[in-house]
Amino acid sequence: MSPSTGVRETQRRRTRRALLDAALSLLEERSLGSLGLREVTRAAGVAPTAFYRHFRDMDELGTTLVEEALASLHTTVRDVLAATGDSERRGEAAVRLVAELVRTRPAHVRFLVRERHGGVAAVREAIADQLDVFAEETGAALAADPVSAAWAAQDVTMLSRLLVDHMFMTASAFLAASLRGEDWTAATRTALGQLRLIHLGRVHWPG
């Protein structure tokens, strides 16, 4: 790669990052469907034509934000699911994982919570696709666990989706606590209690 090519590539990456960061900032109090391309480019400090060198449209920018927020978590989630120990320890690890995501990427999580049922179909579908993968990974771990190994497939799927929904609900609770100026002690206690309740139901499920 020539020096000039390297400089252009660095600038390209900076511009792409600036567009994503500008969108996240603008989306703090708004939905993606209400956000215009020119608003994003103005906030990023680039010309509107520069947008199209990175994204086809606002939908693609939105799906990129979904990928940034969730795609890299799959390995970590698999590690949590594969960890040895009782269900309470795994539950604590899962809640810590959600807390870390909210702590390090609050704007991404806020975007996901708002847009999961938002007005932009491509983004709703991208979020749903990622959550489907998490549910499949969780279901595979549950099907291998002695407690639920003999369950019917639809019951395993029901539980895995419940746990994924719980992850989303817990992230939303952490965000809400931050907005109220509270620490996350109560939200963490509630999340862990809910997971214990889910586990008790799992132990006594007829299968």
N, C-alpha and C. Protein backbone atom coordinates (compact mmCIF):
# COMPACT_ATOMS: atom_id res chain seq x y z
N MET A 1 0.85 -1.19 0.00
CA MET A 1 0.00 0.00 0.00
C MET A 1 0.88 1.24 0.00
N SER A 2 0.64 2.14 -0.91
CA SER A 2 1.42 3.36 -1.00
C SER A 2 1.02 4.31 0.13
N PRO A 3 1.93 5.27 0.47
CA PRO A 3 1.58 6.23 1.54
C PRO A 3 0.28 6.97 1.25
N SER A 4 0.07 7.37 -0.01
CA SER A 4 -1.15 8.11 -0.33
C SER A 4 -2.39 7.25 -0.17
N THR A 5 -2.25 5.96 -0.54
CA THR A 5 -3.38 5.03 -0.37
C THR A 5 -3.70 4.85 1.11
N GLY A 6 -2.65 4.75 1.92
CA GLY A 6 -2.85 4.60 3.36
C GLY A 6 -3.52 5.80 3.97
N VAL A 7 -3.15 7.00 3.52
CA VAL A 7 -3.78 8.22 4.04
C VAL A 7 -5.25 8.26 3.66
N ARG A 8 -5.56 7.88 2.41
CA ARG A 8 -6.96 7.88 1.97
C ARG A 8 -7.79 6.87 2.76
N GLU A 9 -7.21 5.70 3.02
CA GLU A 9 -7.93 4.68 3.78
C GLU A 9 -8.19 5.14 5.21
N THR A 10 -7.19 5.79 5.81
CA THR A 10 -7.37 6.32 7.17
C THR A 10 -8.48 7.36 7.20
N GLN A 11 -8.47 8.23 6.19
CA GLN A 11 -9.51 9.27 6.13
C GLN A 11 -10.89 8.66 5.90
N ARG A 12 -10.93 7.62 5.08
CA ARG A 12 -12.21 6.95 4.81
C ARG A 12 -12.78 6.37 6.10
N ARG A 13 -11.91 5.72 6.88
CA ARG A 13 -12.36 5.12 8.14
C ARG A 13 -12.81 6.19 9.12
N ARG A 14 -12.10 7.30 9.16
CA ARG A 14 -12.48 8.39 10.06
C ARG A 14 -13.84 8.97 9.68
N THR A 15 -14.06 9.13 8.39
CA THR A 15 -15.34 9.68 7.94
C THR A 15 -16.49 8.72 8.27
N ARG A 16 -16.27 7.44 8.03
CA ARG A 16 -17.30 6.44 8.35
C ARG A 16 -17.61 6.47 9.84
N ARG A 17 -16.55 6.52 10.66
CA ARG A 17 -16.74 6.56 12.10
C ARG A 17 -17.48 7.83 12.53
N ALA A 18 -17.11 8.95 11.90
CA ALA A 18 -17.76 10.22 12.23
C ALA A 18 -19.25 10.17 11.92
N LEU A 19 -19.62 9.54 10.82
CA LEU A 19 -21.03 9.42 10.45
C LEU A 19 -21.78 8.55 11.46
N LEU A 20 -21.20 7.44 11.86
CA LEU A 20 -21.85 6.56 12.83
C LEU A 20 -21.98 7.25 14.18
N ASP A 21 -20.93 7.92 14.61
CA ASP A 21 -20.97 8.60 15.90
C ASP A 21 -21.97 9.76 15.89
N ALA A 22 -22.01 10.48 14.77
CA ALA A 22 -22.97 11.58 14.66
C ALA A 22 -24.40 11.06 14.74
N ALA A 23 -24.66 9.95 14.05
CA ALA A 23 -26.00 9.36 14.09
C ALA A 23 -26.37 8.93 15.51
N LEU A 24 -25.44 8.26 16.20
CA LEU A 24 -25.71 7.83 17.57
C LEU A 24 -26.02 9.02 18.48
N SER A 25 -25.27 10.08 18.31
CA SER A 25 -25.51 11.26 19.13
C SER A 25 -26.90 11.85 18.87
N LEU A 26 -27.26 11.95 17.61
CA LEU A 26 -28.57 12.50 17.25
C LEU A 26 -29.71 11.58 17.68
N LEU A 27 -29.43 10.28 17.75
CA LEU A 27 -30.46 9.31 18.10
C LEU A 27 -30.68 9.18 19.60
N GLU A 28 -29.96 9.95 20.38
CA GLU A 28 -30.09 9.83 21.83
C GLU A 28 -31.53 10.09 22.28
N GLU A 29 -32.20 11.03 21.61
CA GLU A 29 -33.56 11.38 22.00
C GLU A 29 -34.56 11.17 20.87
N ARG A 30 -34.13 10.52 19.78
CA ARG A 30 -34.99 10.41 18.60
C ARG A 30 -34.93 9.01 18.02
N SER A 31 -35.89 8.73 17.15
CA SER A 31 -35.89 7.46 16.44
C SER A 31 -35.18 7.61 15.11
N LEU A 32 -34.72 6.50 14.57
CA LEU A 32 -34.01 6.54 13.30
C LEU A 32 -34.90 7.04 12.17
N GLY A 33 -36.17 6.68 12.22
CA GLY A 33 -37.09 7.08 11.16
C GLY A 33 -37.29 8.58 11.05
N SER A 34 -36.99 9.30 12.13
CA SER A 34 -37.17 10.76 12.12
C SER A 34 -35.88 11.50 11.76
N LEU A 35 -34.83 10.74 11.52
CA LEU A 35 -33.51 11.35 11.30
C LEU A 35 -33.20 11.45 9.81
N GLY A 36 -32.74 12.60 9.38
CA GLY A 36 -32.42 12.81 7.97
C GLY A 36 -30.94 12.67 7.69
N LEU A 37 -30.63 12.28 6.47
CA LEU A 37 -29.25 12.11 6.03
C LEU A 37 -28.46 13.41 6.18
N ARG A 38 -29.05 14.52 5.80
CA ARG A 38 -28.33 15.80 5.87
C ARG A 38 -28.04 16.20 7.31
N GLU A 39 -28.92 15.83 8.23
CA GLU A 39 -28.64 16.12 9.63
C GLU A 39 -27.40 15.36 10.10
N VAL A 40 -27.31 14.12 9.67
CA VAL A 40 -26.17 13.29 10.07
C VAL A 40 -24.87 13.83 9.49
N THR A 41 -24.88 14.16 8.20
CA THR A 41 -23.65 14.64 7.58
C THR A 41 -23.24 16.00 8.15
N ARG A 42 -24.22 16.84 8.45
CA ARG A 42 -23.90 18.13 9.06
C ARG A 42 -23.26 17.94 10.43
N ALA A 43 -23.82 17.03 11.23
CA ALA A 43 -23.26 16.76 12.56
C ALA A 43 -21.88 16.13 12.47
N ALA A 44 -21.66 15.33 11.40
CA ALA A 44 -20.36 14.68 11.22
C ALA A 44 -19.33 15.61 10.59
N GLY A 45 -19.78 16.73 10.06
CA GLY A 45 -18.87 17.68 9.44
C GLY A 45 -18.39 17.27 8.06
N VAL A 46 -19.25 16.55 7.32
CA VAL A 46 -18.88 16.12 5.97
C VAL A 46 -20.00 16.52 5.00
N ALA A 47 -19.67 16.51 3.72
CA ALA A 47 -20.66 16.85 2.70
C ALA A 47 -21.66 15.71 2.55
N PRO A 48 -22.92 16.02 2.23
CA PRO A 48 -23.92 14.96 2.04
C PRO A 48 -23.49 13.89 1.04
N THR A 49 -22.77 14.29 -0.01
CA THR A 49 -22.34 13.30 -1.00
C THR A 49 -21.37 12.28 -0.41
N ALA A 50 -20.65 12.67 0.64
CA ALA A 50 -19.69 11.74 1.26
C ALA A 50 -20.41 10.56 1.91
N PHE A 51 -21.64 10.78 2.33
CA PHE A 51 -22.41 9.71 2.99
C PHE A 51 -22.47 8.48 2.10
N TYR A 52 -22.70 8.68 0.81
CA TYR A 52 -22.94 7.56 -0.10
C TYR A 52 -21.69 6.78 -0.44
N ARG A 53 -20.54 7.25 -0.02
CA ARG A 53 -19.33 6.45 -0.17
C ARG A 53 -19.20 5.41 0.94
N HIS A 54 -20.10 5.48 1.92
CA HIS A 54 -20.03 4.58 3.07
C HIS A 54 -21.31 3.77 3.28
N PHE A 55 -22.46 4.37 2.98
CA PHE A 55 -23.74 3.70 3.20
C PHE A 55 -24.68 4.00 2.03
N ARG A 56 -25.49 3.01 1.68
CA ARG A 56 -26.47 3.23 0.60
C ARG A 56 -27.53 4.23 1.03
N ASP A 57 -27.95 4.11 2.28
CA ASP A 57 -29.03 4.95 2.79
C ASP A 57 -29.01 4.90 4.31
N MET A 58 -29.97 5.55 4.95
CA MET A 58 -30.02 5.57 6.40
C MET A 58 -30.33 4.19 6.99
N ASP A 59 -31.06 3.38 6.22
CA ASP A 59 -31.33 2.03 6.69
C ASP A 59 -30.03 1.25 6.88
N GLU A 60 -29.12 1.37 5.92
CA GLU A 60 -27.85 0.64 6.04
C GLU A 60 -27.01 1.17 7.19
N LEU A 61 -27.04 2.47 7.40
CA LEU A 61 -26.34 3.02 8.56
C LEU A 61 -26.92 2.40 9.84
N GLY A 62 -28.24 2.30 9.91
CA GLY A 62 -28.88 1.72 11.09
C GLY A 62 -28.50 0.27 11.30
N THR A 63 -28.48 -0.53 10.25
CA THR A 63 -28.12 -1.94 10.40
C THR A 63 -26.65 -2.09 10.78
N THR A 64 -25.81 -1.16 10.35
CA THR A 64 -24.41 -1.17 10.76
C THR A 64 -24.28 -0.93 12.26
N LEU A 65 -25.09 -0.02 12.79
CA LEU A 65 -25.09 0.22 14.23
C LEU A 65 -25.54 -1.03 15.00
N VAL A 66 -26.50 -1.76 14.45
CA VAL A 66 -26.94 -3.01 15.08
C VAL A 66 -25.78 -4.00 15.14
N GLU A 67 -25.07 -4.15 14.01
CA GLU A 67 -23.94 -5.06 13.96
C GLU A 67 -22.88 -4.67 14.99
N GLU A 68 -22.58 -3.38 15.05
CA GLU A 68 -21.58 -2.90 16.01
C GLU A 68 -21.97 -3.27 17.44
N ALA A 69 -23.23 -3.13 17.74
CA ALA A 69 -23.68 -3.33 19.11
C ALA A 69 -23.73 -4.80 19.52
N LEU A 70 -24.09 -5.68 18.60
CA LEU A 70 -24.40 -7.06 18.98
C LEU A 70 -23.50 -8.14 18.40
N ALA A 71 -23.01 -7.96 17.19
CA ALA A 71 -22.31 -9.06 16.53
C ALA A 71 -21.10 -9.54 17.31
N SER A 72 -20.37 -8.61 17.91
CA SER A 72 -19.14 -8.99 18.61
C SER A 72 -19.42 -9.71 19.93
N LEU A 73 -20.68 -9.74 20.38
CA LEU A 73 -21.00 -10.36 21.66
C LEU A 73 -21.17 -11.87 21.60
N HIS A 74 -21.29 -12.42 20.39
CA HIS A 74 -21.64 -13.83 20.31
C HIS A 74 -20.60 -14.73 20.98
N THR A 75 -19.33 -14.43 20.78
CA THR A 75 -18.29 -15.25 21.41
C THR A 75 -18.39 -15.18 22.93
N THR A 76 -18.62 -13.98 23.45
CA THR A 76 -18.72 -13.80 24.90
C THR A 76 -19.93 -14.54 25.45
N VAL A 77 -21.05 -14.46 24.74
CA VAL A 77 -22.25 -15.16 25.19
C VAL A 77 -22.02 -16.67 25.19
N ARG A 78 -21.37 -17.18 24.16
CA ARG A 78 -21.07 -18.61 24.12
C ARG A 78 -20.19 -19.02 25.29
N ASP A 79 -19.23 -18.17 25.65
CA ASP A 79 -18.37 -18.47 26.80
C ASP A 79 -19.17 -18.53 28.09
N VAL A 80 -20.13 -17.61 28.25
CA VAL A 80 -20.97 -17.61 29.45
C VAL A 80 -21.81 -18.89 29.49
N LEU A 81 -22.38 -19.26 28.36
CA LEU A 81 -23.23 -20.45 28.32
C LEU A 81 -22.44 -21.73 28.58
N ALA A 82 -21.19 -21.73 28.14
CA ALA A 82 -20.36 -22.94 28.28
C ALA A 82 -19.67 -23.03 29.63
N ALA A 83 -19.74 -21.96 30.41
CA ALA A 83 -19.03 -21.92 31.68
C ALA A 83 -19.56 -23.00 32.63
N THR A 84 -18.64 -23.59 33.36
CA THR A 84 -19.05 -24.57 34.36
C THR A 84 -19.59 -23.83 35.58
N GLY A 85 -20.26 -24.59 36.44
CA GLY A 85 -20.83 -23.96 37.63
C GLY A 85 -22.34 -24.02 37.60
N ASP A 86 -22.96 -23.58 38.69
CA ASP A 86 -24.40 -23.68 38.80
C ASP A 86 -25.08 -22.55 38.02
N SER A 87 -26.40 -22.64 37.94
CA SER A 87 -27.16 -21.67 37.17
C SER A 87 -27.04 -20.27 37.73
N GLU A 88 -26.87 -20.16 39.06
CA GLU A 88 -26.77 -18.83 39.67
C GLU A 88 -25.50 -18.12 39.21
N ARG A 89 -24.40 -18.86 39.12
CA ARG A 89 -23.14 -18.26 38.66
C ARG A 89 -23.25 -17.83 37.19
N ARG A 90 -23.88 -18.68 36.39
CA ARG A 90 -24.05 -18.32 34.98
C ARG A 90 -24.96 -17.10 34.84
N GLY A 91 -26.00 -17.05 35.69
CA GLY A 91 -26.89 -15.89 35.67
C GLY A 91 -26.15 -14.62 36.04
N GLU A 92 -25.30 -14.69 37.05
CA GLU A 92 -24.52 -13.52 37.44
C GLU A 92 -23.60 -13.08 36.31
N ALA A 93 -22.99 -14.06 35.62
CA ALA A 93 -22.11 -13.72 34.50
C ALA A 93 -22.90 -13.06 33.37
N ALA A 94 -24.11 -13.54 33.12
CA ALA A 94 -24.94 -12.97 32.05
C ALA A 94 -25.33 -11.53 32.38
N VAL A 95 -25.70 -11.28 33.63
CA VAL A 95 -26.08 -9.92 34.03
C VAL A 95 -24.86 -9.00 33.96
N ARG A 96 -23.70 -9.50 34.35
CA ARG A 96 -22.48 -8.69 34.24
C ARG A 96 -22.19 -8.34 32.79
N LEU A 97 -22.43 -9.30 31.89
CA LEU A 97 -22.21 -9.06 30.47
C LEU A 97 -23.12 -7.93 29.96
N VAL A 98 -24.39 -7.98 30.34
CA VAL A 98 -25.32 -6.93 29.92
C VAL A 98 -24.90 -5.59 30.52
N ALA A 99 -24.53 -5.59 31.79
CA ALA A 99 -24.11 -4.36 32.45
C ALA A 99 -22.89 -3.76 31.75
N GLU A 100 -21.95 -4.59 31.36
CA GLU A 100 -20.75 -4.10 30.68
C GLU A 100 -21.10 -3.50 29.33
N LEU A 101 -22.03 -4.13 28.63
CA LEU A 101 -22.46 -3.59 27.34
C LEU A 101 -23.09 -2.21 27.51
N VAL A 102 -23.96 -2.07 28.50
CA VAL A 102 -24.62 -0.78 28.73
C VAL A 102 -23.61 0.26 29.20
N ARG A 103 -22.65 -0.17 30.00
CA ARG A 103 -21.64 0.76 30.52
C ARG A 103 -20.72 1.27 29.42
N THR A 104 -20.33 0.39 28.51
CA THR A 104 -19.34 0.77 27.50
C THR A 104 -19.98 1.30 26.21
N ARG A 105 -21.23 0.92 25.94
CA ARG A 105 -21.89 1.35 24.72
C ARG A 105 -23.33 1.80 24.99
N PRO A 106 -23.51 2.77 25.86
CA PRO A 106 -24.87 3.18 26.21
C PRO A 106 -25.66 3.69 25.02
N ALA A 107 -25.01 4.43 24.12
CA ALA A 107 -25.73 4.97 22.97
C ALA A 107 -26.21 3.84 22.05
N HIS A 108 -25.37 2.82 21.85
CA HIS A 108 -25.77 1.68 21.04
C HIS A 108 -26.96 0.96 21.67
N VAL A 109 -26.89 0.74 22.98
CA VAL A 109 -27.96 0.00 23.66
C VAL A 109 -29.26 0.80 23.61
N ARG A 110 -29.17 2.10 23.82
CA ARG A 110 -30.36 2.95 23.75
C ARG A 110 -30.99 2.85 22.36
N PHE A 111 -30.15 2.85 21.35
CA PHE A 111 -30.60 2.71 19.96
C PHE A 111 -31.32 1.37 19.76
N LEU A 112 -30.74 0.30 20.26
CA LEU A 112 -31.33 -1.03 20.10
C LEU A 112 -32.69 -1.13 20.80
N VAL A 113 -32.75 -0.62 22.02
CA VAL A 113 -34.00 -0.69 22.79
C VAL A 113 -35.11 0.07 22.07
N ARG A 114 -34.77 1.25 21.55
CA ARG A 114 -35.78 2.07 20.88
C ARG A 114 -36.19 1.47 19.54
N GLU A 115 -35.21 0.95 18.79
CA GLU A 115 -35.49 0.54 17.41
C GLU A 115 -35.93 -0.91 17.27
N ARG A 116 -35.90 -1.67 18.35
CA ARG A 116 -36.33 -3.08 18.25
C ARG A 116 -37.76 -3.17 17.72
N HIS A 117 -38.59 -2.23 18.11
CA HIS A 117 -39.97 -2.19 17.62
C HIS A 117 -40.23 -0.86 16.93
N GLY A 118 -39.19 -0.28 16.35
CA GLY A 118 -39.30 1.02 15.71
C GLY A 118 -39.85 0.95 14.30
N GLY A 119 -39.80 2.10 13.62
CA GLY A 119 -40.46 2.22 12.33
C GLY A 119 -39.63 1.86 11.12
N VAL A 120 -38.34 1.54 11.32
CA VAL A 120 -37.48 1.21 10.18
C VAL A 120 -37.36 -0.31 10.07
N ALA A 121 -38.00 -0.86 9.06
CA ALA A 121 -38.12 -2.32 8.94
C ALA A 121 -36.76 -3.01 8.87
N ALA A 122 -35.83 -2.44 8.10
CA ALA A 122 -34.52 -3.09 7.94
C ALA A 122 -33.79 -3.21 9.27
N VAL A 123 -33.94 -2.20 10.11
CA VAL A 123 -33.27 -2.22 11.40
C VAL A 123 -33.98 -3.18 12.35
N ARG A 124 -35.31 -3.17 12.34
CA ARG A 124 -36.06 -4.16 13.16
C ARG A 124 -35.63 -5.57 12.80
N GLU A 125 -35.51 -5.83 11.50
CA GLU A 125 -35.14 -7.17 11.05
C GLU A 125 -33.71 -7.52 11.43
N ALA A 126 -32.81 -6.54 11.36
CA ALA A 126 -31.42 -6.78 11.74
C ALA A 126 -31.31 -7.12 13.23
N ILE A 127 -32.05 -6.39 14.06
CA ILE A 127 -32.07 -6.69 15.49
C ILE A 127 -32.66 -8.07 15.73
N ALA A 128 -33.79 -8.36 15.07
CA ALA A 128 -34.43 -9.67 15.24
C ALA A 128 -33.50 -10.79 14.81
N ASP A 129 -32.77 -10.60 13.72
CA ASP A 129 -31.84 -11.63 13.24
C ASP A 129 -30.75 -11.91 14.27
N GLN A 130 -30.20 -10.84 14.84
CA GLN A 130 -29.16 -11.01 15.85
C GLN A 130 -29.72 -11.72 17.09
N LEU A 131 -30.91 -11.34 17.51
CA LEU A 131 -31.51 -11.98 18.68
C LEU A 131 -31.86 -13.43 18.40
N ASP A 132 -32.23 -13.74 17.16
CA ASP A 132 -32.48 -15.13 16.79
C ASP A 132 -31.22 -15.98 16.95
N VAL A 133 -30.08 -15.41 16.56
CA VAL A 133 -28.81 -16.13 16.71
C VAL A 133 -28.51 -16.36 18.19
N PHE A 134 -28.71 -15.32 19.01
CA PHE A 134 -28.50 -15.50 20.45
C PHE A 134 -29.43 -16.58 21.00
N ALA A 135 -30.67 -16.59 20.54
CA ALA A 135 -31.63 -17.59 21.02
C ALA A 135 -31.20 -19.00 20.59
N GLU A 136 -30.71 -19.13 19.36
CA GLU A 136 -30.24 -20.44 18.89
C GLU A 136 -29.05 -20.92 19.72
N GLU A 137 -28.12 -20.02 20.00
CA GLU A 137 -26.95 -20.38 20.80
C GLU A 137 -27.36 -20.77 22.22
N THR A 138 -28.29 -20.00 22.77
CA THR A 138 -28.78 -20.32 24.11
C THR A 138 -29.53 -21.64 24.11
N GLY A 139 -30.33 -21.87 23.07
CA GLY A 139 -31.08 -23.12 22.97
C GLY A 139 -30.17 -24.33 22.86
N ALA A 140 -29.07 -24.20 22.13
CA ALA A 140 -28.13 -25.31 22.00
C ALA A 140 -27.53 -25.66 23.36
N ALA A 141 -27.21 -24.63 24.15
CA ALA A 141 -26.67 -24.88 25.48
C ALA A 141 -27.71 -25.52 26.39
N LEU A 142 -28.96 -25.06 26.31
CA LEU A 142 -30.02 -25.63 27.14
C LEU A 142 -30.31 -27.08 26.77
N ALA A 143 -30.26 -27.37 25.47
CA ALA A 143 -30.54 -28.74 25.02
C ALA A 143 -29.46 -29.71 25.48
N ALA A 144 -28.26 -29.20 25.76
CA ALA A 144 -27.16 -30.05 26.22
C ALA A 144 -27.09 -30.14 27.74
N ASP A 145 -27.88 -29.32 28.42
CA ASP A 145 -27.86 -29.31 29.87
C ASP A 145 -28.78 -30.41 30.40
N PRO A 146 -28.34 -31.19 31.41
CA PRO A 146 -29.17 -32.29 31.92
C PRO A 146 -30.57 -31.87 32.36
N VAL A 147 -30.70 -30.63 32.87
CA VAL A 147 -32.01 -30.19 33.37
C VAL A 147 -33.04 -30.13 32.25
N SER A 148 -32.61 -29.74 31.07
CA SER A 148 -33.56 -29.55 29.96
C SER A 148 -33.24 -30.40 28.74
N ALA A 149 -32.34 -31.37 28.90
CA ALA A 149 -31.91 -32.17 27.75
C ALA A 149 -33.05 -32.98 27.13
N ALA A 150 -34.04 -33.38 27.95
CA ALA A 150 -35.13 -34.22 27.44
C ALA A 150 -36.35 -33.41 27.02
N TRP A 151 -36.23 -32.10 27.04
CA TRP A 151 -37.37 -31.26 26.68
C TRP A 151 -37.68 -31.35 25.19
N ALA A 152 -38.94 -31.07 24.88
CA ALA A 152 -39.32 -30.92 23.47
C ALA A 152 -38.65 -29.68 22.90
N ALA A 153 -38.38 -29.71 21.60
CA ALA A 153 -37.66 -28.61 20.96
C ALA A 153 -38.37 -27.28 21.14
N GLN A 154 -39.71 -27.29 21.06
CA GLN A 154 -40.42 -26.02 21.19
C GLN A 154 -40.32 -25.44 22.59
N ASP A 155 -40.17 -26.31 23.60
CA ASP A 155 -40.01 -25.81 24.97
C ASP A 155 -38.62 -25.19 25.16
N VAL A 156 -37.62 -25.82 24.57
CA VAL A 156 -36.26 -25.26 24.64
C VAL A 156 -36.23 -23.89 23.95
N THR A 157 -36.88 -23.81 22.80
CA THR A 157 -36.94 -22.54 22.07
C THR A 157 -37.66 -21.48 22.89
N MET A 158 -38.75 -21.84 23.54
CA MET A 158 -39.50 -20.90 24.35
C MET A 158 -38.63 -20.34 25.47
N LEU A 159 -37.88 -21.23 26.14
CA LEU A 159 -37.03 -20.79 27.24
C LEU A 159 -35.87 -19.93 26.72
N SER A 160 -35.27 -20.33 25.63
CA SER A 160 -34.13 -19.56 25.11
C SER A 160 -34.56 -18.15 24.71
N ARG A 161 -35.73 -18.03 24.11
CA ARG A 161 -36.22 -16.70 23.74
C ARG A 161 -36.59 -15.88 24.97
N LEU A 162 -37.09 -16.54 25.99
CA LEU A 162 -37.39 -15.84 27.25
C LEU A 162 -36.11 -15.26 27.85
N LEU A 163 -35.03 -16.03 27.80
CA LEU A 163 -33.76 -15.56 28.35
C LEU A 163 -33.17 -14.42 27.53
N VAL A 164 -33.32 -14.48 26.23
CA VAL A 164 -32.84 -13.39 25.38
C VAL A 164 -33.66 -12.13 25.64
N ASP A 165 -34.98 -12.28 25.76
CA ASP A 165 -35.83 -11.13 26.10
C ASP A 165 -35.44 -10.54 27.45
N HIS A 166 -35.07 -11.42 28.38
CA HIS A 166 -34.65 -10.95 29.70
C HIS A 166 -33.38 -10.10 29.57
N MET A 167 -32.47 -10.50 28.70
CA MET A 167 -31.25 -9.73 28.48
C MET A 167 -31.59 -8.32 28.02
N PHE A 168 -32.51 -8.23 27.08
CA PHE A 168 -32.94 -6.93 26.56
C PHE A 168 -33.62 -6.11 27.65
N MET A 169 -34.48 -6.74 28.41
CA MET A 169 -35.20 -6.06 29.48
C MET A 169 -34.24 -5.54 30.55
N THR A 170 -33.22 -6.33 30.85
CA THR A 170 -32.23 -5.92 31.84
C THR A 170 -31.43 -4.73 31.34
N ALA A 171 -31.04 -4.74 30.08
CA ALA A 171 -30.32 -3.60 29.51
C ALA A 171 -31.17 -2.33 29.61
N SER A 172 -32.45 -2.46 29.29
CA SER A 172 -33.36 -1.32 29.38
C SER A 172 -33.47 -0.81 30.81
N ALA A 173 -33.49 -1.73 31.78
CA ALA A 173 -33.59 -1.34 33.19
C ALA A 173 -32.34 -0.59 33.63
N PHE A 174 -31.17 -1.01 33.17
CA PHE A 174 -29.94 -0.30 33.51
C PHE A 174 -29.95 1.10 32.92
N LEU A 175 -30.39 1.23 31.68
CA LEU A 175 -30.48 2.55 31.06
C LEU A 175 -31.43 3.46 31.84
N ALA A 176 -32.58 2.92 32.21
CA ALA A 176 -33.57 3.71 32.93
C ALA A 176 -33.03 4.16 34.29
N ALA A 177 -32.30 3.27 34.97
CA ALA A 177 -31.72 3.64 36.26
C ALA A 177 -30.72 4.78 36.09
N SER A 178 -29.92 4.72 35.04
CA SER A 178 -28.95 5.78 34.79
C SER A 178 -29.65 7.12 34.53
N LEU A 179 -30.74 7.08 33.77
CA LEU A 179 -31.48 8.31 33.49
C LEU A 179 -32.04 8.93 34.76
N ARG A 180 -32.39 8.08 35.72
CA ARG A 180 -32.94 8.58 36.99
C ARG A 180 -31.83 8.98 37.97
N GLY A 181 -30.58 8.79 37.56
CA GLY A 181 -29.47 9.11 38.44
C GLY A 181 -29.24 8.09 39.53
N GLU A 182 -29.74 6.87 39.34
CA GLU A 182 -29.59 5.82 40.34
C GLU A 182 -28.44 4.89 39.95
N ASP A 183 -27.88 4.22 40.96
CA ASP A 183 -26.92 3.17 40.63
C ASP A 183 -27.70 1.93 40.19
N TRP A 184 -27.00 0.89 39.84
CA TRP A 184 -27.67 -0.27 39.25
C TRP A 184 -27.93 -1.39 40.24
N THR A 185 -27.82 -1.09 41.52
CA THR A 185 -27.98 -2.14 42.53
C THR A 185 -29.36 -2.78 42.46
N ALA A 186 -30.39 -1.96 42.46
CA ALA A 186 -31.75 -2.49 42.45
C ALA A 186 -32.05 -3.22 41.15
N ALA A 187 -31.61 -2.65 40.02
CA ALA A 187 -31.86 -3.30 38.73
C ALA A 187 -31.13 -4.63 38.65
N THR A 188 -29.92 -4.69 39.19
CA THR A 188 -29.16 -5.95 39.19
C THR A 188 -29.86 -6.99 40.06
N ARG A 189 -30.31 -6.57 41.24
CA ARG A 189 -31.00 -7.49 42.15
C ARG A 189 -32.25 -8.04 41.49
N THR A 190 -33.01 -7.17 40.81
CA THR A 190 -34.23 -7.62 40.13
C THR A 190 -33.89 -8.60 39.01
N ALA A 191 -32.87 -8.29 38.22
CA ALA A 191 -32.49 -9.16 37.10
C ALA A 191 -32.08 -10.54 37.60
N LEU A 192 -31.30 -10.58 38.66
CA LEU A 192 -30.86 -11.87 39.21
C LEU A 192 -32.04 -12.64 39.80
N GLY A 193 -32.96 -11.92 40.47
CA GLY A 193 -34.14 -12.59 41.01
C GLY A 193 -35.00 -13.18 39.91
N GLN A 194 -35.15 -12.46 38.82
CA GLN A 194 -35.93 -12.96 37.69
C GLN A 194 -35.29 -14.21 37.10
N LEU A 195 -33.96 -14.20 37.00
CA LEU A 195 -33.28 -15.38 36.47
C LEU A 195 -33.44 -16.58 37.41
N ARG A 196 -33.40 -16.35 38.71
CA ARG A 196 -33.62 -17.45 39.65
C ARG A 196 -35.03 -18.01 39.50
N LEU A 197 -36.00 -17.11 39.32
CA LEU A 197 -37.38 -17.55 39.13
C LEU A 197 -37.52 -18.36 37.85
N ILE A 198 -36.87 -17.90 36.78
CA ILE A 198 -36.90 -18.65 35.52
C ILE A 198 -36.27 -20.02 35.71
N HIS A 199 -35.17 -20.08 36.46
CA HIS A 199 -34.50 -21.36 36.67
C HIS A 199 -35.37 -22.31 37.48
N LEU A 200 -36.06 -21.80 38.50
CA LEU A 200 -36.95 -22.66 39.28
C LEU A 200 -38.05 -23.24 38.40
N GLY A 201 -38.60 -22.40 37.53
CA GLY A 201 -39.60 -22.90 36.60
C GLY A 201 -39.02 -23.96 35.68
N ARG A 202 -37.79 -23.74 35.26
CA ARG A 202 -37.13 -24.72 34.38
C ARG A 202 -36.93 -26.06 35.08
N VAL A 203 -36.52 -26.02 36.34
CA VAL A 203 -36.29 -27.27 37.09
C VAL A 203 -37.57 -28.07 37.22
N HIS A 204 -38.71 -27.38 37.38
CA HIS A 204 -39.97 -28.07 37.62
C HIS A 204 -40.83 -28.19 36.36
N TRP A 205 -40.29 -27.76 35.22
CA TRP A 205 -41.04 -27.88 33.99
C TRP A 205 -41.23 -29.35 33.63
N PRO A 206 -42.45 -29.77 33.23
CA PRO A 206 -42.67 -31.20 32.97
C PRO A 206 -41.85 -31.75 31.83
N GLY A 207 -41.41 -30.87 30.91
CA GLY A 207 -40.60 -31.37 29.79
C GLY A 207 -41.45 -32.16 28.86
